Amino acid sequence: MIDNLYNTSILSLASNIPRLGVLKNPDASATAVSKLCGSKVTVYLNIKDSCVIDFSHEVKACSLGQAASSVMASNIIGSHSDELINLKTTMMEMLRHDGTPPQGKWNDLKFLQPAKDYKGRHASVMLTFDAVEECLVHFK
């Protein structure tokens, strides 16, 4: 499990998380917590015309949660709210139903695909997506 699940790509993403900290004057913020392991991610968003114009986060999570948050932080600026909701759906399909990993700028999320075989780790992977979605519901 360890070699496959915590591969070098995951560990590399987890060790280089951009946009850490609290965003000054966010339009929305939300926290997601994994009840199983206690991992926690808080995101802060500024949104204009349904697009993310600024983002930061606080990440206290395992390597899987850190890696997912790293990819989110690297790619979220300029993303439309519909794109982000679809991204969450794609991630859930990848983990729960052996779906295709996200493509394009979200391609690095493919490295989380081995987590599909470990249902207890799904919540950690999904923390950043859950928190972003919670922020976005305030703008619909």
Protein backbone atom coordinates (compact mmCIF):
# COMPACT_ATOMS: atom_id res chain seq x y z
CA MET A 1 0.00 0.00 0.00
CA ILE A 2 2.61 2.56 1.04
CA ASP A 3 4.74 2.32 -2.12
CA ASN A 4 1.78 2.62 -4.48
CA LEU A 5 -0.35 5.06 -2.52
CA TYR A 6 2.40 7.40 -1.35
CA ASN A 7 4.33 7.49 -4.61
CA THR A 8 7.08 10.03 -5.32
CA SER A 9 4.70 12.26 -7.31
CA ILE A 10 2.31 12.50 -4.34
CA LEU A 11 5.16 13.22 -1.95
CA SER A 12 6.59 15.86 -4.30
CA LEU A 13 3.23 17.65 -4.58
CA ALA A 14 2.69 17.41 -0.82
CA SER A 15 6.08 18.95 -0.07
CA ASN A 16 5.52 21.99 -2.30
CA ILE A 17 2.11 23.49 -1.50
CA PRO A 18 1.60 27.00 -2.92
CA ARG A 19 -0.67 29.77 -1.60
CA LEU A 20 -0.55 28.76 2.07
CA GLY A 21 -2.05 31.06 4.68
CA VAL A 22 -5.12 33.17 5.22
CA LEU A 23 -6.40 35.36 2.39
CA LYS A 24 -7.01 38.94 3.43
CA ASN A 25 -10.71 39.85 3.05
CA PRO A 26 -11.99 36.67 1.36
CA ASP A 27 -15.41 36.61 -0.25
CA ALA A 28 -15.90 33.14 1.24
CA SER A 29 -14.12 30.57 3.34
CA ALA A 30 -14.88 27.00 4.33
CA THR A 31 -13.29 24.18 6.28
CA ALA A 32 -13.50 20.47 5.50
CA VAL A 33 -12.43 17.81 8.01
CA SER A 34 -11.97 14.08 7.59
CA LYS A 35 -13.69 12.36 10.48
CA LEU A 36 -11.58 9.25 9.96
CA CYS A 37 -8.10 10.74 10.25
CA GLY A 38 -8.62 14.32 11.41
CA SER A 39 -7.10 15.90 8.30
CA LYS A 40 -8.35 19.45 7.79
CA VAL A 41 -8.28 21.98 4.95
CA THR A 42 -9.58 25.55 5.13
CA VAL A 43 -9.87 27.49 1.86
CA TYR A 44 -10.33 31.20 1.25
CA LEU A 45 -11.67 32.50 -2.07
CA ASN A 46 -12.23 35.75 -3.85
CA ILE A 47 -14.59 35.43 -6.79
CA LYS A 48 -15.64 37.79 -9.56
CA ASP A 49 -18.17 36.89 -12.27
CA SER A 50 -18.15 33.24 -11.14
CA CYS A 51 -14.36 32.98 -11.58
CA VAL A 52 -11.81 32.57 -8.81
CA ILE A 53 -9.55 35.62 -8.74
CA ASP A 54 -7.65 34.81 -5.54
CA PHE A 55 -7.17 31.79 -3.30
CA SER A 56 -5.30 30.66 -0.23
CA HIS A 57 -5.58 27.74 2.14
CA GLU A 58 -4.46 26.25 5.41
CA VAL A 59 -3.64 22.57 5.13
CA LYS A 60 -3.25 20.22 8.07
CA ALA A 61 -3.63 16.92 6.29
CA CYS A 62 -1.89 13.71 5.32
CA SER A 63 0.20 13.56 2.16
CA LEU A 64 -2.87 12.75 0.05
CA GLY A 65 -4.77 15.79 1.28
CA GLN A 66 -1.67 17.93 0.91
CA ALA A 67 -1.10 16.75 -2.67
CA ALA A 68 -4.71 17.43 -3.69
CA SER A 69 -4.55 20.87 -2.07
CA SER A 70 -1.28 21.59 -3.83
CA VAL A 71 -2.80 20.87 -7.24
CA MET A 72 -5.87 22.94 -6.37
CA ALA A 73 -3.77 25.93 -5.32
CA SER A 74 -1.60 25.69 -8.43
CA ASN A 75 -4.55 25.77 -10.84
CA ILE A 76 -7.62 27.38 -9.28
CA ILE A 77 -6.99 31.03 -10.19
CA GLY A 78 -9.06 31.84 -13.28
CA SER A 79 -11.24 28.75 -12.89
CA HIS A 80 -15.00 29.14 -13.29
CA SER A 81 -17.28 27.84 -10.55
CA ASP A 82 -18.88 25.30 -12.94
CA GLU A 83 -15.43 23.95 -13.82
CA LEU A 84 -14.66 23.44 -10.14
CA ILE A 85 -17.93 21.65 -9.43
CA ASN A 86 -17.31 19.39 -12.43
CA LEU A 87 -13.76 18.79 -11.19
CA LYS A 88 -15.08 17.54 -7.86
CA THR A 89 -17.47 15.19 -9.66
CA THR A 90 -14.63 13.88 -11.84
CA MET A 91 -12.50 13.24 -8.75
CA MET A 92 -15.31 11.36 -7.02
CA GLU A 93 -15.85 9.26 -10.16
CA MET A 94 -12.11 8.53 -10.34
CA LEU A 95 -12.00 7.40 -6.71
CA ARG A 96 -15.32 5.60 -6.39
CA HIS A 97 -16.07 4.23 -9.83
CA ASP A 98 -12.65 3.87 -11.49
CA GLY A 99 -13.38 6.91 -13.66
CA THR A 100 -10.93 8.81 -15.83
CA PRO A 101 -8.67 11.26 -13.96
CA PRO A 102 -9.04 14.99 -14.63
CA GLN A 103 -7.31 16.33 -17.72
CA GLY A 104 -5.72 19.58 -18.84
CA LYS A 105 -4.42 21.87 -16.13
CA TRP A 106 -5.75 19.41 -13.52
CA ASN A 107 -3.73 16.50 -14.96
CA ASP A 108 -1.55 16.14 -11.84
CA LEU A 109 -4.58 14.87 -9.95
CA LYS A 110 -4.00 11.56 -11.77
CA PHE A 111 -1.28 10.84 -9.22
CA LEU A 112 -4.02 10.42 -6.60
CA GLN A 113 -5.64 7.61 -8.59
CA PRO A 114 -4.06 4.83 -6.43
CA ALA A 115 -6.19 6.08 -3.52
CA LYS A 116 -9.23 4.59 -5.27
CA ASP A 117 -8.34 1.22 -3.78
CA TYR A 118 -8.39 2.63 -0.22
CA LYS A 119 -11.87 3.96 0.55
CA GLY A 120 -10.76 5.18 3.95
CA ARG A 121 -8.44 7.67 2.21
CA HIS A 122 -11.05 9.17 -0.13
CA ALA A 123 -12.16 11.79 2.39
CA SER A 124 -8.60 13.10 2.74
CA VAL A 125 -8.22 13.42 -1.02
CA MET A 126 -11.55 15.23 -1.32
CA LEU A 127 -11.07 17.82 1.45
CA THR A 128 -9.95 20.68 -0.78
CA PHE A 129 -12.74 19.97 -3.29
CA ASP A 130 -15.37 19.86 -0.54
CA ALA A 131 -14.20 23.16 0.96
CA VAL A 132 -14.07 24.90 -2.44
CA GLU A 133 -17.57 23.67 -3.27
CA GLU A 134 -18.87 24.94 0.07
CA CYS A 135 -17.45 28.38 -0.74
CA LEU A 136 -18.99 28.37 -4.20
CA VAL A 137 -22.54 27.69 -2.98
CA HIS A 138 -22.52 31.21 -1.51
CA PHE A 139 -22.30 32.61 -5.06
CA LYS A 140 -25.03 30.62 -6.79
